[in-house]
Amino acid sequence: MKREFSVIIERDTDGYFVASVPQLAGCHTQAKSLDELMERIREAIALCLEFEQEQDSLDFVGVQRVAVEL
């Protein structure tokens, strides 16, 4: 079975590309090049999906906005 995921890609201050998958909690990786990043995020997604199958599923409740005083 093939599944598709949206991947957010950003560049940090050190020049590394950082990828995260909002649909999979904790699924992220980084690399120096985009080609390497895409390879690594595919591996990360596979690992996250494997882990997800072993866990109890969560029901989405909602989103809250939180203020923090600095």
PDB file of N, CA and C in Angstrom:
ATOM      1  N   MET A   1       0.840  -1.176   0.000  1.00  0.00           N
ATOM      2  CA  MET A   1       0.000   0.000   0.000  1.00  0.00           C
ATOM      3  C   MET A   1       0.891   1.247   0.000  1.00  0.00           C
ATOM      4  N   LYS A   2       0.559   2.195  -0.849  1.00  0.00           N
ATOM      5  CA  LYS A   2       1.335   3.425  -0.951  1.00  0.00           C
ATOM      6  C   LYS A   2       0.572   4.562  -0.282  1.00  0.00           C
ATOM      7  N   ARG A   3       1.266   5.303   0.590  1.00  0.00           N
ATOM      8  CA  ARG A   3       0.679   6.471   1.252  1.00  0.00           C
ATOM      9  C   ARG A   3       1.533   7.684   0.941  1.00  0.00           C
ATOM     10  N   GLU A   4       0.888   8.840   0.855  1.00  0.00           N
ATOM     11  CA  GLU A   4       1.613  10.079   0.602  1.00  0.00           C
ATOM     12  C   GLU A   4       1.472  11.011   1.793  1.00  0.00           C
ATOM     13  N   PHE A   5       2.527  11.766   2.071  1.00  0.00           N
ATOM     14  CA  PHE A   5       2.548  12.691   3.194  1.00  0.00           C
ATOM     15  C   PHE A   5       3.088  14.035   2.735  1.00  0.00           C
ATOM     16  N   SER A   6       2.574  15.096   3.331  1.00  0.00           N
ATOM     17  CA  SER A   6       3.126  16.427   3.105  1.00  0.00           C
ATOM     18  C   SER A   6       4.364  16.568   3.982  1.00  0.00           C
ATOM     19  N   VAL A   7       5.411  17.162   3.418  1.00  0.00           N
ATOM     20  CA  VAL A   7       6.667  17.343   4.139  1.00  0.00           C
ATOM     21  C   VAL A   7       6.991  18.837   4.151  1.00  0.00           C
ATOM     22  N   ILE A   8       7.223  19.378   5.331  1.00  0.00           N
ATOM     23  CA  ILE A   8       7.639  20.773   5.470  1.00  0.00           C
ATOM     24  C   ILE A   8       9.162  20.797   5.465  1.00  0.00           C
ATOM     25  N   ILE A   9       9.736  21.638   4.583  1.00  0.00           N
ATOM     26  CA  ILE A   9      11.196  21.739   4.481  1.00  0.00           C
ATOM     27  C   ILE A   9      11.606  23.166   4.816  1.00  0.00           C
ATOM     28  N   GLU A  10      12.561  23.269   5.737  1.00  0.00           N
ATOM     29  CA  GLU A  10      13.091  24.571   6.152  1.00  0.00           C
ATOM     30  C   GLU A  10      14.614  24.497   6.126  1.00  0.00           C
ATOM     31  N   ARG A  11      15.269  25.654   6.160  1.00  0.00           N
ATOM     32  CA  ARG A  11      16.727  25.696   6.255  1.00  0.00           C
ATOM     33  C   ARG A  11      17.079  26.397   7.564  1.00  0.00           C
ATOM     34  N   ASP A  12      17.950  25.773   8.366  1.00  0.00           N
ATOM     35  CA  ASP A  12      18.317  26.391   9.639  1.00  0.00           C
ATOM     36  C   ASP A  12      19.478  27.371   9.457  1.00  0.00           C
ATOM     37  N   THR A  13      19.879  28.006  10.532  1.00  0.00           N
ATOM     38  CA  THR A  13      20.917  29.039  10.464  1.00  0.00           C
ATOM     39  C   THR A  13      22.291  28.488  10.091  1.00  0.00           C
ATOM     40  N   ASP A  14      22.491  27.183  10.252  1.00  0.00           N
ATOM     41  CA  ASP A  14      23.762  26.559   9.877  1.00  0.00           C
ATOM     42  C   ASP A  14      23.759  26.061   8.440  1.00  0.00           C
ATOM     43  N   GLY A  15      22.648  26.254   7.726  1.00  0.00           N
ATOM     44  CA  GLY A  15      22.565  25.836   6.329  1.00  0.00           C
ATOM     45  C   GLY A  15      22.017  24.438   6.114  1.00  0.00           C
ATOM     46  N   TYR A  16      21.663  23.737   7.185  1.00  0.00           N
ATOM     47  CA  TYR A  16      21.082  22.404   7.047  1.00  0.00           C
ATOM     48  C   TYR A  16      19.612  22.507   6.663  1.00  0.00           C
ATOM     49  N   PHE A  17      19.173  21.563   5.832  1.00  0.00           N
ATOM     50  CA  PHE A  17      17.760  21.449   5.509  1.00  0.00           C
ATOM     51  C   PHE A  17      17.105  20.571   6.570  1.00  0.00           C
ATOM     52  N   VAL A  18      15.942  20.982   7.024  1.00  0.00           N
ATOM     53  CA  VAL A  18      15.201  20.255   8.053  1.00  0.00           C
ATOM     54  C   VAL A  18      13.832  19.907   7.485  1.00  0.00           C
ATOM     55  N   ALA A  19      13.459  18.635   7.575  1.00  0.00           N
ATOM     56  CA  ALA A  19      12.167  18.173   7.070  1.00  0.00           C
ATOM     57  C   ALA A  19      11.346  17.617   8.222  1.00  0.00           C
ATOM     58  N   SER A  20      10.052  17.927   8.206  1.00  0.00           N
ATOM     59  CA  SER A  20       9.142  17.359   9.206  1.00  0.00           C
ATOM     60  C   SER A  20       7.830  17.002   8.531  1.00  0.00           C
ATOM     61  N   VAL A  21       7.165  16.003   9.104  1.00  0.00           N
ATOM     62  CA  VAL A  21       5.896  15.508   8.579  1.00  0.00           C
ATOM     63  C   VAL A  21       4.825  15.780   9.622  1.00  0.00           C
ATOM     64  N   PRO A  22       3.995  16.803   9.417  1.00  0.00           N
ATOM     65  CA  PRO A  22       2.990  17.170  10.415  1.00  0.00           C
ATOM     66  C   PRO A  22       2.014  16.043  10.767  1.00  0.00           C
ATOM     67  N   GLN A  23       1.748  15.158   9.831  1.00  0.00           N
ATOM     68  CA  GLN A  23       0.796  14.068  10.069  1.00  0.00           C
ATOM     69  C   GLN A  23       1.346  12.983  10.990  1.00  0.00           C
ATOM     70  N   LEU A  24       2.655  12.971  11.189  1.00  0.00           N
ATOM     71  CA  LEU A  24       3.294  11.936  12.006  1.00  0.00           C
ATOM     72  C   LEU A  24       4.086  12.605  13.124  1.00  0.00           C
ATOM     73  N   ALA A  25       3.588  12.509  14.324  1.00  0.00           N
ATOM     74  CA  ALA A  25       4.224  13.151  15.478  1.00  0.00           C
ATOM     75  C   ALA A  25       5.671  12.696  15.628  1.00  0.00           C
ATOM     76  N   GLY A  26       6.573  13.657  15.755  1.00  0.00           N
ATOM     77  CA  GLY A  26       7.979  13.351  15.977  1.00  0.00           C
ATOM     78  C   GLY A  26       8.733  12.899  14.747  1.00  0.00           C
ATOM     79  N   CYS A  27       8.127  13.011  13.579  1.00  0.00           N
ATOM     80  CA  CYS A  27       8.774  12.540  12.354  1.00  0.00           C
ATOM     81  C   CYS A  27       9.493  13.707  11.687  1.00  0.00           C
ATOM     82  N   HIS A  28      10.826  13.751  11.848  1.00  0.00           N
ATOM     83  CA  HIS A  28      11.628  14.810  11.269  1.00  0.00           C
ATOM     84  C   HIS A  28      13.072  14.336  11.108  1.00  0.00           C
ATOM     85  N   THR A  29      13.798  15.039  10.262  1.00  0.00           N
ATOM     86  CA  THR A  29      15.211  14.729  10.036  1.00  0.00           C
ATOM     87  C   THR A  29      15.884  15.955   9.448  1.00  0.00           C
ATOM     88  N   GLN A  30      17.199  15.881   9.275  1.00  0.00           N
ATOM     89  CA  GLN A  30      17.937  16.986   8.664  1.00  0.00           C
ATOM     90  C   GLN A  30      19.059  16.441   7.807  1.00  0.00           C
ATOM     91  N   ALA A  31      19.531  17.282   6.866  1.00  0.00           N
ATOM     92  CA  ALA A  31      20.636  16.906   5.986  1.00  0.00           C
ATOM     93  C   ALA A  31      21.235  18.158   5.372  1.00  0.00           C
ATOM     94  N   LYS A  32      22.422  18.019   4.817  1.00  0.00           N
ATOM     95  CA  LYS A  32      23.111  19.147   4.204  1.00  0.00           C
ATOM     96  C   LYS A  32      22.580  19.434   2.786  1.00  0.00           C
ATOM     97  N   SER A  33      22.084  18.407   2.082  1.00  0.00           N
ATOM     98  CA  SER A  33      21.560  18.605   0.723  1.00  0.00           C
ATOM     99  C   SER A  33      20.103  18.153   0.649  1.00  0.00           C
ATOM    100  N   LEU A  34      19.389  18.684  -0.340  1.00  0.00           N
ATOM    101  CA  LEU A  34      17.979  18.294  -0.510  1.00  0.00           C
ATOM    102  C   LEU A  34      17.842  16.828  -0.917  1.00  0.00           C
ATOM    103  N   ASP A  35      18.761  16.337  -1.758  1.00  0.00           N
ATOM    104  CA  ASP A  35      18.699  14.929  -2.158  1.00  0.00           C
ATOM    105  C   ASP A  35      18.837  14.007  -0.949  1.00  0.00           C
ATOM    106  N   GLU A  36      19.804  14.298  -0.108  1.00  0.00           N
ATOM    107  CA  GLU A  36      20.014  13.500   1.100  1.00  0.00           C
ATOM    108  C   GLU A  36      18.826  13.642   2.050  1.00  0.00           C
ATOM    109  N   LEU A  37      18.271  14.850   2.124  1.00  0.00           N
ATOM    110  CA  LEU A  37      17.117  15.093   2.990  1.00  0.00           C
ATOM    111  C   LEU A  37      15.930  14.227   2.569  1.00  0.00           C
ATOM    112  N   MET A  38      15.664  14.154   1.273  1.00  0.00           N
ATOM    113  CA  MET A  38      14.520  13.371   0.802  1.00  0.00           C
ATOM    114  C   MET A  38      14.718  11.883   1.086  1.00  0.00           C
ATOM    115  N   GLU A  39      15.923  11.416   0.950  1.00  0.00           N
ATOM    116  CA  GLU A  39      16.211  10.013   1.275  1.00  0.00           C
ATOM    117  C   GLU A  39      15.985   9.756   2.768  1.00  0.00           C
ATOM    118  N   ARG A  40      16.482  10.672   3.588  1.00  0.00           N
ATOM    119  CA  ARG A  40      16.347  10.514   5.041  1.00  0.00           C
ATOM    120  C   ARG A  40      14.898  10.635   5.508  1.00  0.00           C
ATOM    121  N   ILE A  41      14.111  11.535   4.899  1.00  0.00           N
ATOM    122  CA  ILE A  41      12.728  11.681   5.362  1.00  0.00           C
ATOM    123  C   ILE A  41      11.908  10.459   4.978  1.00  0.00           C
ATOM    124  N   ARG A  42      12.219   9.838   3.842  1.00  0.00           N
ATOM    125  CA  ARG A  42      11.523   8.580   3.493  1.00  0.00           C
ATOM    126  C   ARG A  42      11.811   7.505   4.545  1.00  0.00           C
ATOM    127  N   GLU A  43      13.065   7.417   4.969  1.00  0.00           N
ATOM    128  CA  GLU A  43      13.437   6.456   6.018  1.00  0.00           C
ATOM    129  C   GLU A  43      12.729   6.791   7.330  1.00  0.00           C
ATOM    130  N   ALA A  44      12.688   8.077   7.669  1.00  0.00           N
ATOM    131  CA  ALA A  44      12.039   8.499   8.911  1.00  0.00           C
ATOM    132  C   ALA A  44      10.538   8.189   8.880  1.00  0.00           C
ATOM    133  N   ILE A  45       9.900   8.436   7.732  1.00  0.00           N
ATOM    134  CA  ILE A  45       8.473   8.143   7.603  1.00  0.00           C
ATOM    135  C   ILE A  45       8.227   6.651   7.798  1.00  0.00           C
ATOM    136  N   ALA A  46       9.043   5.820   7.170  1.00  0.00           N
ATOM    137  CA  ALA A  46       8.891   4.363   7.308  1.00  0.00           C
ATOM    138  C   ALA A  46       9.014   3.947   8.774  1.00  0.00           C
ATOM    139  N   LEU A  47       9.989   4.505   9.487  1.00  0.00           N
ATOM    140  CA  LEU A  47      10.170   4.175  10.901  1.00  0.00           C
ATOM    141  C   LEU A  47       9.003   4.676  11.746  1.00  0.00           C
ATOM    142  N   CYS A  48       8.526   5.881  11.452  1.00  0.00           N
ATOM    143  CA  CYS A  48       7.396   6.433  12.206  1.00  0.00           C
ATOM    144  C   CYS A  48       6.135   5.599  11.985  1.00  0.00           C
ATOM    145  N   LEU A  49       5.927   5.155  10.750  1.00  0.00           N
ATOM    146  CA  LEU A  49       4.752   4.322  10.458  1.00  0.00           C
ATOM    147  C   LEU A  49       4.847   2.972  11.166  1.00  0.00           C
ATOM    148  N   GLU A  50       6.046   2.420  11.206  1.00  0.00           N
ATOM    149  CA  GLU A  50       6.262   1.150  11.909  1.00  0.00           C
ATOM    150  C   GLU A  50       5.948   1.311  13.398  1.00  0.00           C
ATOM    151  N   PHE A  51       6.448   2.391  13.995  1.00  0.00           N
ATOM    152  CA  PHE A  51       6.201   2.676  15.406  1.00  0.00           C
ATOM    153  C   PHE A  51       4.722   2.953  15.655  1.00  0.00           C
ATOM    154  N   GLU A  52       4.090   3.695  14.727  1.00  0.00           N
ATOM    155  CA  GLU A  52       2.674   4.056  14.863  1.00  0.00           C
ATOM    156  C   GLU A  52       1.786   2.809  14.925  1.00  0.00           C
ATOM    157  N   GLN A  53       2.128   1.781  14.171  1.00  0.00           N
ATOM    158  CA  GLN A  53       1.342   0.547  14.158  1.00  0.00           C
ATOM    159  C   GLN A  53       1.381  -0.158  15.506  1.00  0.00           C
ATOM    160  N   GLU A  54       2.458   0.054  16.245  1.00  0.00           N
ATOM    161  CA  GLU A  54       2.616  -0.599  17.544  1.00  0.00           C
ATOM    162  C   GLU A  54       1.913   0.161  18.667  1.00  0.00           C
ATOM    163  N   GLN A  55       1.518   1.398  18.415  1.00  0.00           N
ATOM    164  CA  GLN A  55       0.937   2.251  19.450  1.00  0.00           C
ATOM    165  C   GLN A  55      -0.591   2.277  19.361  1.00  0.00           C
ATOM    166  N   ASP A  56      -1.212   2.621  20.476  1.00  0.00           N
ATOM    167  CA  ASP A  56      -2.655   2.854  20.481  1.00  0.00           C
ATOM    168  C   ASP A  56      -2.922   4.152  19.737  1.00  0.00           C
ATOM    169  N   SER A  57      -4.004   4.194  18.980  1.00  0.00           N
ATOM    170  CA  SER A  57      -4.310   5.411  18.238  1.00  0.00           C
ATOM    171  C   SER A  57      -4.912   6.473  19.156  1.00  0.00           C
ATOM    172  N   LEU A  58      -4.711   7.724  18.801  1.00  0.00           N
ATOM    173  CA  LEU A  58      -5.243   8.852  19.553  1.00  0.00           C
ATOM    174  C   LEU A  58      -6.375   9.491  18.773  1.00  0.00           C
ATOM    175  N   ASP A  59      -7.373   9.995  19.460  1.00  0.00           N
ATOM    176  CA  ASP A  59      -8.458  10.716  18.833  1.00  0.00           C
ATOM    177  C   ASP A  59      -8.147  12.201  18.865  1.00  0.00           C
ATOM    178  N   PHE A  60      -8.283  12.861  17.717  1.00  0.00           N
ATOM    179  CA  PHE A  60      -8.032  14.292  17.640  1.00  0.00           C
ATOM    180  C   PHE A  60      -9.092  15.025  18.447  1.00  0.00           C
ATOM    181  N   VAL A  61      -8.675  15.900  19.330  1.00  0.00           N
ATOM    182  CA  VAL A  61      -9.591  16.656  20.186  1.00  0.00           C
ATOM    183  C   VAL A  61      -9.736  18.095  19.699  1.00  0.00           C
ATOM    184  N   GLY A  62      -8.636  18.740  19.346  1.00  0.00           N
ATOM    185  CA  GLY A  62      -8.708  20.109  18.875  1.00  0.00           C
ATOM    186  C   GLY A  62      -7.372  20.806  18.987  1.00  0.00           C
ATOM    187  N   VAL A  63      -7.388  22.083  18.671  1.00  0.00           N
ATOM    188  CA  VAL A  63      -6.195  22.920  18.730  1.00  0.00           C
ATOM    189  C   VAL A  63      -6.469  24.076  19.683  1.00  0.00           C
ATOM    190  N   GLN A  64      -5.525  24.348  20.540  1.00  0.00           N
ATOM    191  CA  GLN A  64      -5.662  25.458  21.489  1.00  0.00           C
ATOM    192  C   GLN A  64      -4.544  26.458  21.255  1.00  0.00           C
ATOM    193  N   ARG A  65      -4.843  27.700  21.505  1.00  0.00           N
ATOM    194  CA  ARG A  65      -3.839  28.756  21.433  1.00  0.00           C
ATOM    195  C   ARG A  65      -3.393  29.060  22.862  1.00  0.00           C
ATOM    196  N   VAL A  66      -2.080  29.117  23.075  1.00  0.00           N
ATOM    197  CA  VAL A  66      -1.532  29.304  24.415  1.00  0.00           C
ATOM    198  C   VAL A  66      -0.621  30.532  24.400  1.00  0.00           C
ATOM    199  N   ALA A  67      -0.803  31.416  25.373  1.00  0.00           N
ATOM    200  CA  ALA A  67       0.044  32.588  25.511  1.00  0.00           C
ATOM    201  C   ALA A  67       1.104  32.324  26.581  1.00  0.00           C
ATOM    202  N   VAL A  68       2.330  32.748  26.308  1.00  0.00           N
ATOM    203  CA  VAL A  68       3.424  32.586  27.254  1.00  0.00           C
ATOM    204  C   VAL A  68       4.097  33.944  27.414  1.00  0.00           C
ATOM    205  N   GLU A  69       4.250  34.377  28.655  1.00  0.00           N
ATOM    206  CA  GLU A  69       4.893  35.647  28.920  1.00  0.00           C
ATOM    207  C   GLU A  69       6.405  35.472  28.899  1.00  0.00           C
ATOM    208  N   LEU A  70       7.108  36.314  28.170  1.00  0.00           N
ATOM    209  CA  LEU A  70       8.571  36.217  28.065  1.00  0.00           C
ATOM    210  C   LEU A  70       9.254  37.222  28.945  1.00  0.00           C
TER     211      LEU A  70
END
